[in-house]
Amino acid sequence: MKGTGALTLADGHVYPGELIGSSSVQGEVVFFTGMTGYQEVLTDPSYRGQIIVFTYPLIGQYGISEQDSESRQIQVSGVVVQTLANNGLRSDLADWLAASDIPVLTQVDTRALVHHLRNQGDQIGILTCGTSSVQEQSNLIATVSIKQPEVYPTDYEAGHIVCLDYGVKKSMIEALQERQMKVTVVPFDTPKTVIDELKPDGLLFSNGPGDPSQLDHLIPEINKLALAYPTLGICMGHQLIAKAFGCRIEKQHHGHRGANHPVRQLKTGRVFMTSQNHGYVVQADSVQNSELNVAYEHINDGSIEGLLHPTHPILTVQFHPEAHPGPLEAMVIFDQFVAGILKQEVAYAGS
């Protein structure tokens, strides 16, 4: 179904276009700057509840493929593009979005929209063919986390990682499997007593959507878990561990979402080009009064991109080392996490 529609932002700005789909949806309106990787973005649980604006003017030009999805379904609430390709492929993006009942607003001046978001900040908006009021969003992590544990074996098991699922991407699990790690994914609120029974060699605190304050009631448990096992926290996991060790979290004016973010490792000066998707960051001035040290920083704005515990094997990164979409050079984070578990030569990426 096609018709005239619009994106209405919380500050009252309206961006008209052609609406494909009959649903009216709302979500935080954010923009992604990558030229490719739209399928990975749409299926990334970290985008749950968001309306994604693609800055590249043509989206869907190379279709979709089953192996590139990061989860079992499209996670975004809606899509805004300048032009949506409808190229007649068997794996056509437009057909996939329609079949999933995800509304798409096309023929939008996405350049003007992104300039506005950069100036005024990320905000809630609504995609509709009529008018509607904007409502607050609820707990998103509970909607994307699994309900029962799932085990991902490997042919040769060198170790066992338990992943606390705040919205884990498939490619994170695959990165650990490729390093001979069996992975058991557990619900986000699994207590330490249950995790202890699984006898993990290390823990992964995964990525996930929304504000980390959703899980403030679990912060004491996260602290105990991180101190008990070698730990890697990614994106949401990074923020939750940071809070568990005394850091504060703040909302960014507009988030980091794209596949071209430069990050510097402080100790070595090494620079990674990274894939990122987050709207919250660790407050830089809170780290000095915490138990953690800064390991990585964003070159463009100086924001905290990774933390390291000085005496325990705990490393966190704000960026996505598994990429998908994005450059692969930061995959070394997984190498060093696993090497630390196996007590090989290079233990931790911040060391």
Protein backbone atom coordinates (compact mmCIF):
# COMPACT_ATOMS: atom_id res chain seq x y z
CA MET A 1 0.00 0.00 0.00
CA LYS A 2 1.42 3.38 -1.03
CA GLY A 3 0.27 6.88 -0.18
CA THR A 4 1.33 10.27 1.03
CA GLY A 5 2.94 10.12 4.45
CA ALA A 6 5.35 11.94 6.71
CA LEU A 7 7.86 11.63 9.51
CA THR A 8 6.91 13.92 12.40
CA LEU A 9 9.62 14.60 14.97
CA ALA A 10 9.02 15.35 18.63
CA ASP A 11 10.13 18.96 18.09
CA GLY A 12 7.36 19.44 15.51
CA HIS A 13 9.40 19.25 12.31
CA VAL A 14 7.69 17.29 9.54
CA TYR A 15 9.37 15.53 6.61
CA PRO A 16 6.92 14.44 3.89
CA GLY A 17 7.34 11.56 1.48
CA GLU A 18 5.67 8.50 0.02
CA LEU A 19 4.68 5.98 2.68
CA ILE A 20 4.83 2.30 1.73
CA GLY A 21 2.82 0.24 4.19
CA SER A 22 -0.28 0.78 6.26
CA SER A 23 1.22 0.82 9.76
CA SER A 24 1.80 3.93 11.83
CA VAL A 25 4.88 3.48 14.01
CA GLN A 26 7.00 5.53 16.36
CA GLY A 27 10.55 5.23 17.60
CA GLU A 28 13.75 7.14 18.21
CA VAL A 29 14.79 8.61 14.85
CA VAL A 30 18.48 7.93 14.17
CA PHE A 31 20.69 7.94 11.10
CA PHE A 32 23.18 5.43 9.72
CA THR A 33 26.07 6.72 7.61
CA GLY A 34 27.29 3.52 5.92
CA MET A 35 27.04 3.07 2.16
CA THR A 36 26.29 -0.66 2.49
CA GLY A 37 25.10 -3.09 5.14
CA TYR A 38 21.42 -2.17 5.24
CA GLN A 39 20.37 -5.77 5.90
CA GLU A 40 22.71 -6.12 8.87
CA VAL A 41 21.46 -2.82 10.27
CA LEU A 42 17.78 -3.69 9.88
CA THR A 43 18.23 -7.01 11.71
CA ASP A 44 20.57 -5.75 14.46
CA PRO A 45 18.67 -6.00 17.79
CA SER A 46 20.41 -2.81 18.95
CA TYR A 47 18.11 -0.91 16.56
CA ARG A 48 14.97 -2.30 18.19
CA GLY A 49 12.27 0.34 18.45
CA GLN A 50 14.11 2.87 16.28
CA ILE A 51 13.24 4.52 12.98
CA ILE A 52 16.37 4.32 10.88
CA VAL A 53 17.29 7.02 8.36
CA PHE A 54 19.79 5.86 5.74
CA THR A 55 22.07 8.64 4.54
CA TYR A 56 23.10 6.85 1.35
CA PRO A 57 20.54 7.95 -1.27
CA LEU A 58 19.77 4.51 -2.76
CA ILE A 59 18.97 1.58 -0.46
CA GLY A 60 18.21 -1.99 -1.53
CA GLN A 61 20.22 -1.97 -4.73
CA TYR A 62 21.92 -5.34 -4.12
CA GLY A 63 18.97 -7.20 -2.60
CA ILE A 64 19.19 -9.34 0.50
CA SER A 65 20.67 -12.71 1.45
CA GLU A 66 19.69 -14.97 4.32
CA GLN A 67 23.20 -15.34 5.73
CA ASP A 68 23.65 -11.58 6.24
CA SER A 69 20.89 -11.14 8.83
CA GLU A 70 22.06 -10.49 12.39
CA SER A 71 18.89 -11.93 13.96
CA ARG A 72 15.78 -13.83 12.98
CA GLN A 73 13.72 -10.77 12.05
CA ILE A 74 13.80 -7.10 11.13
CA GLN A 75 14.25 -5.18 14.38
CA VAL A 76 13.65 -1.55 13.40
CA SER A 77 10.20 0.04 13.70
CA GLY A 78 10.42 1.94 10.43
CA VAL A 79 12.71 3.01 7.60
CA VAL A 80 13.32 6.39 5.95
CA VAL A 81 15.18 6.64 2.63
CA GLN A 82 15.60 8.95 -0.30
CA THR A 83 15.09 6.12 -2.81
CA LEU A 84 14.13 2.49 -2.12
CA ALA A 85 15.28 0.16 -4.90
CA ASN A 86 12.67 -2.17 -6.31
CA ASN A 87 14.79 -4.13 -8.71
CA GLY A 88 12.74 -7.29 -9.18
CA LEU A 89 15.27 -9.54 -7.47
CA ARG A 90 14.01 -12.72 -5.84
CA SER A 91 15.53 -11.37 -2.64
CA ASP A 92 14.16 -7.85 -3.00
CA LEU A 93 14.48 -5.54 0.02
CA ALA A 94 11.22 -3.72 -0.70
CA ASP A 95 9.28 -7.00 -0.74
CA TRP A 96 10.98 -8.17 2.47
CA LEU A 97 10.06 -4.99 4.31
CA ALA A 98 6.48 -5.22 3.06
CA ALA A 99 6.17 -8.87 4.09
CA SER A 100 7.47 -7.93 7.56
CA ASP A 101 4.96 -5.06 7.85
CA ILE A 102 7.74 -2.48 8.27
CA PRO A 103 6.64 0.91 6.92
CA VAL A 104 9.05 2.77 4.66
CA LEU A 105 8.96 6.48 3.92
CA THR A 106 10.62 7.20 0.58
CA GLN A 107 11.26 10.31 -1.51
CA VAL A 108 12.41 12.11 1.63
CA ASP A 109 15.02 14.86 1.70
CA THR A 110 17.24 12.73 3.93
CA ARG A 111 20.09 15.25 3.69
CA ALA A 112 17.93 17.95 5.30
CA LEU A 113 16.59 15.46 7.86
CA VAL A 114 20.05 14.30 8.92
CA HIS A 115 21.31 17.89 9.15
CA HIS A 116 18.40 18.62 11.48
CA LEU A 117 19.14 15.58 13.66
CA ARG A 118 22.81 16.54 13.86
CA ASN A 119 21.86 20.06 14.95
CA GLN A 120 18.93 19.26 17.24
CA GLY A 121 19.82 15.73 18.35
CA ASP A 122 18.26 12.27 18.08
CA GLN A 123 14.60 12.34 19.10
CA ILE A 124 11.38 10.36 19.06
CA GLY A 125 9.34 10.55 15.86
CA ILE A 126 6.37 8.92 14.21
CA LEU A 127 5.87 7.56 10.69
CA THR A 128 2.25 7.88 9.65
CA CYS A 129 -0.16 8.82 6.89
CA GLY A 130 -2.09 10.96 9.40
CA THR A 131 -1.33 12.66 12.68
CA SER A 132 -0.54 11.10 16.03
CA SER A 133 1.12 12.02 19.32
CA VAL A 134 4.55 10.75 20.34
CA GLN A 135 4.70 8.37 23.32
CA GLU A 136 7.63 7.31 25.49
CA GLN A 137 9.36 4.01 24.72
CA SER A 138 9.33 1.04 27.10
CA ASN A 139 12.00 -1.45 28.12
CA LEU A 140 13.51 -2.67 24.84
CA ILE A 141 16.09 -5.18 26.07
CA ALA A 142 13.38 -7.48 27.41
CA THR A 143 11.80 -7.58 23.94
CA VAL A 144 14.94 -8.76 22.13
CA SER A 145 16.57 -11.09 24.66
CA ILE A 146 15.95 -14.82 24.36
CA LYS A 147 13.62 -16.47 26.85
CA GLN A 148 15.51 -19.76 27.25
CA PRO A 149 19.24 -20.56 26.97
CA GLU A 150 20.57 -21.51 23.53
CA VAL A 151 23.83 -23.39 22.91
CA TYR A 152 26.08 -22.82 19.89
CA PRO A 153 28.66 -25.62 19.70
CA THR A 154 31.90 -25.75 17.76
CA ASP A 155 33.72 -28.72 16.20
CA TYR A 156 36.71 -28.35 18.52
CA GLU A 157 35.85 -26.85 21.89
CA ALA A 158 38.78 -24.95 23.38
CA GLY A 159 36.60 -23.10 25.86
CA HIS A 160 33.10 -22.07 26.84
CA ILE A 161 31.69 -18.53 26.75
CA VAL A 162 28.39 -17.56 28.33
CA CYS A 163 26.78 -14.58 26.61
CA LEU A 164 24.30 -12.41 28.50
CA ASP A 165 21.86 -11.52 25.77
CA TYR A 166 20.85 -7.87 25.71
CA GLY A 167 20.26 -8.21 21.95
CA VAL A 168 23.30 -10.12 20.73
CA LYS A 169 24.19 -10.08 17.05
CA LYS A 170 24.68 -13.39 15.27
CA SER A 171 28.12 -12.34 14.06
CA MET A 172 29.37 -11.97 17.66
CA ILE A 173 28.50 -15.59 18.35
CA GLU A 174 30.09 -16.66 15.09
CA ALA A 175 33.30 -14.74 15.90
CA LEU A 176 33.67 -16.74 19.11
CA GLN A 177 32.80 -20.04 17.42
CA GLU A 178 35.50 -19.37 14.83
CA ARG A 179 37.94 -19.20 17.73
CA GLN A 180 36.86 -22.63 19.01
CA MET A 181 34.63 -21.28 21.75
CA LYS A 182 31.33 -22.96 22.55
CA VAL A 183 28.80 -20.23 23.26
CA THR A 184 25.79 -20.48 25.55
CA VAL A 185 23.46 -17.50 25.19
CA VAL A 186 21.31 -16.82 28.25
CA PRO A 187 18.50 -14.34 28.99
CA PHE A 188 19.60 -10.86 30.07
CA ASP A 189 18.43 -11.32 33.66
CA THR A 190 19.97 -14.76 34.30
CA PRO A 191 21.29 -14.78 37.90
CA LYS A 192 24.90 -15.55 38.75
CA THR A 193 23.96 -18.81 40.47
CA VAL A 194 22.60 -20.18 37.19
CA ILE A 195 25.60 -18.94 35.19
CA ASP A 196 27.99 -20.52 37.70
CA GLU A 197 26.32 -23.88 37.04
CA LEU A 198 27.21 -23.55 33.33
CA LYS A 199 30.93 -23.40 34.29
CA PRO A 200 31.98 -20.79 31.73
CA ASP A 201 35.58 -19.89 30.96
CA GLY A 202 34.53 -16.32 30.18
CA LEU A 203 31.56 -14.00 29.80
CA LEU A 204 30.36 -11.82 26.94
CA PHE A 205 28.03 -8.95 27.82
CA SER A 206 26.40 -8.23 24.47
CA ASN A 207 25.12 -5.24 22.56
CA GLY A 208 21.50 -4.17 22.94
CA PRO A 209 18.97 -1.40 22.34
CA GLY A 210 18.09 1.72 24.24
CA ASP A 211 19.13 3.27 27.54
CA PRO A 212 21.27 1.15 29.90
CA SER A 213 19.27 2.50 32.85
CA GLN A 214 16.66 -0.11 31.85
CA LEU A 215 18.79 -2.58 33.78
CA ASP A 216 19.81 -0.50 36.80
CA HIS A 217 18.27 -3.15 39.05
CA LEU A 218 20.80 -5.69 37.70
CA ILE A 219 23.96 -3.57 38.15
CA PRO A 220 25.07 -5.27 41.43
CA GLU A 221 24.74 -8.70 39.79
CA ILE A 222 26.71 -7.52 36.74
CA ASN A 223 29.52 -6.38 39.02
CA LYS A 224 29.71 -9.79 40.69
CA LEU A 225 29.70 -11.63 37.38
CA ALA A 226 32.43 -9.48 35.81
CA LEU A 227 34.69 -9.98 38.82
CA ALA A 228 34.16 -13.75 38.75
CA TYR A 229 35.17 -14.49 35.13
CA PRO A 230 37.26 -13.08 32.27
CA THR A 231 34.84 -10.60 30.74
CA LEU A 232 34.28 -8.79 27.45
CA GLY A 233 31.55 -6.16 27.18
CA ILE A 234 30.46 -4.76 23.82
CA CYS A 235 28.31 -1.64 23.27
CA MET A 236 25.41 -2.03 25.74
CA GLY A 237 27.55 -4.53 27.64
CA HIS A 238 30.32 -1.93 27.82
CA GLN A 239 27.95 0.65 29.29
CA LEU A 240 26.47 -1.73 31.85
CA ILE A 241 29.88 -2.87 33.07
CA ALA A 242 31.02 0.75 33.24
CA LYS A 243 28.05 1.54 35.51
CA ALA A 244 28.76 -1.54 37.60
CA PHE A 245 32.24 -0.21 38.39
CA GLY A 246 31.33 3.38 39.16
CA CYS A 247 31.06 5.23 35.84
CA ARG A 248 28.13 7.36 34.76
CA ILE A 249 26.31 7.17 31.42
CA GLU A 250 24.97 10.10 29.42
CA LYS A 251 22.82 10.51 26.31
CA GLN A 252 24.67 11.68 23.23
CA HIS A 253 23.38 14.67 21.33
CA HIS A 254 23.30 12.46 18.27
CA GLY A 255 24.63 8.94 18.37
CA HIS A 256 27.39 7.12 16.55
CA ARG A 257 25.83 4.91 13.88
CA GLY A 258 27.93 3.93 10.90
CA ALA A 259 30.86 1.89 9.66
CA ASN A 260 33.58 4.54 9.55
CA HIS A 261 34.33 5.64 13.12
CA PRO A 262 38.05 6.00 14.00
CA VAL A 263 39.05 4.71 17.45
CA ARG A 264 42.48 5.00 19.08
CA GLN A 265 43.98 2.53 21.55
CA LEU A 266 45.59 4.83 24.11
CA LYS A 267 48.53 2.65 25.13
CA THR A 268 49.83 1.88 21.64
CA GLY A 269 48.36 4.68 19.53
CA ARG A 270 46.93 2.08 17.17
CA VAL A 271 43.85 3.26 15.25
CA PHE A 272 40.91 1.08 14.20
CA MET A 273 38.17 2.05 11.79
CA THR A 274 35.09 0.69 13.50
CA SER A 275 31.39 -0.02 13.13
CA GLN A 276 29.24 1.64 15.80
CA ASN A 277 25.61 1.88 16.86
CA HIS A 278 24.85 3.66 20.12
CA GLY A 279 23.15 6.74 21.50
CA TYR A 280 24.65 6.66 25.02
CA VAL A 281 28.27 6.96 26.17
CA VAL A 282 30.33 6.76 29.34
CA GLN A 283 30.84 10.22 30.85
CA ALA A 284 34.56 10.87 30.49
CA ASP A 285 34.95 12.71 33.79
CA SER A 286 33.35 9.84 35.72
CA VAL A 287 36.07 7.32 34.80
CA GLN A 288 38.73 8.82 37.05
CA ASN A 289 36.57 8.13 40.11
CA SER A 290 35.70 4.60 39.00
CA GLU A 291 37.57 1.30 39.22
CA LEU A 292 38.30 1.31 35.47
CA ASN A 293 40.84 2.90 33.15
CA VAL A 294 40.28 4.27 29.66
CA ALA A 295 41.62 1.94 26.97
CA TYR A 296 40.12 3.41 23.77
CA GLU A 297 38.84 6.82 22.66
CA HIS A 298 36.98 8.14 19.62
CA ILE A 299 39.31 10.27 17.53
CA ASN A 300 36.60 12.63 16.26
CA ASP A 301 34.97 13.66 19.54
CA GLY A 302 37.17 12.15 22.28
CA SER A 303 34.35 10.02 23.70
CA ILE A 304 35.14 6.87 25.69
CA GLU A 305 35.37 3.81 23.42
CA GLY A 306 36.77 1.19 25.76
CA LEU A 307 37.63 0.50 29.40
CA LEU A 308 40.00 -1.85 31.17
CA HIS A 309 40.13 -3.04 34.77
CA PRO A 310 43.66 -2.67 36.17
CA THR A 311 43.68 -5.92 38.16
CA HIS A 312 40.92 -8.13 36.74
CA PRO A 313 40.57 -9.50 33.18
CA ILE A 314 37.72 -7.14 32.25
CA LEU A 315 37.71 -5.32 28.91
CA THR A 316 34.87 -3.31 27.41
CA VAL A 317 34.50 -1.64 24.01
CA GLN A 318 31.83 0.74 22.82
CA PHE A 319 32.41 -0.14 19.15
CA HIS A 320 31.48 -3.39 17.39
CA PRO A 321 34.60 -5.50 16.73
CA GLU A 322 32.52 -8.05 14.80
CA ALA A 323 31.63 -5.26 12.29
CA HIS A 324 28.94 -6.51 9.89
CA PRO A 325 28.69 -4.00 8.30
CA GLY A 326 32.07 -2.38 8.54
CA PRO A 327 35.83 -2.93 8.58
CA LEU A 328 37.25 -6.08 10.15
CA GLU A 329 40.46 -4.79 11.76
CA ALA A 330 38.92 -4.57 15.25
CA MET A 331 38.20 -8.34 15.22
CA VAL A 332 41.51 -8.58 17.09
CA ILE A 333 39.45 -7.81 20.22
CA PHE A 334 38.02 -11.33 20.03
CA ASP A 335 41.49 -12.79 19.41
CA GLN A 336 42.85 -11.15 22.53
CA PHE A 337 39.81 -11.98 24.66
CA VAL A 338 40.09 -15.66 23.77
CA ALA A 339 43.89 -15.60 24.13
CA GLY A 340 43.47 -14.30 27.67
CA ILE A 341 41.06 -17.12 28.51
CA LEU A 342 43.45 -19.70 27.07
CA LYS A 343 46.39 -17.97 28.80
CA GLN A 344 48.22 -17.39 25.55
CA GLU A 345 50.81 -14.71 24.95
CA VAL A 346 48.64 -11.61 24.34
CA ALA A 347 46.04 -11.44 27.07
CA TYR A 348 43.91 -8.31 26.71
CA ALA A 349 43.37 -5.71 24.04
CA GLY A 350 43.95 -2.83 26.41
CA SER A 351 47.23 -4.21 27.78
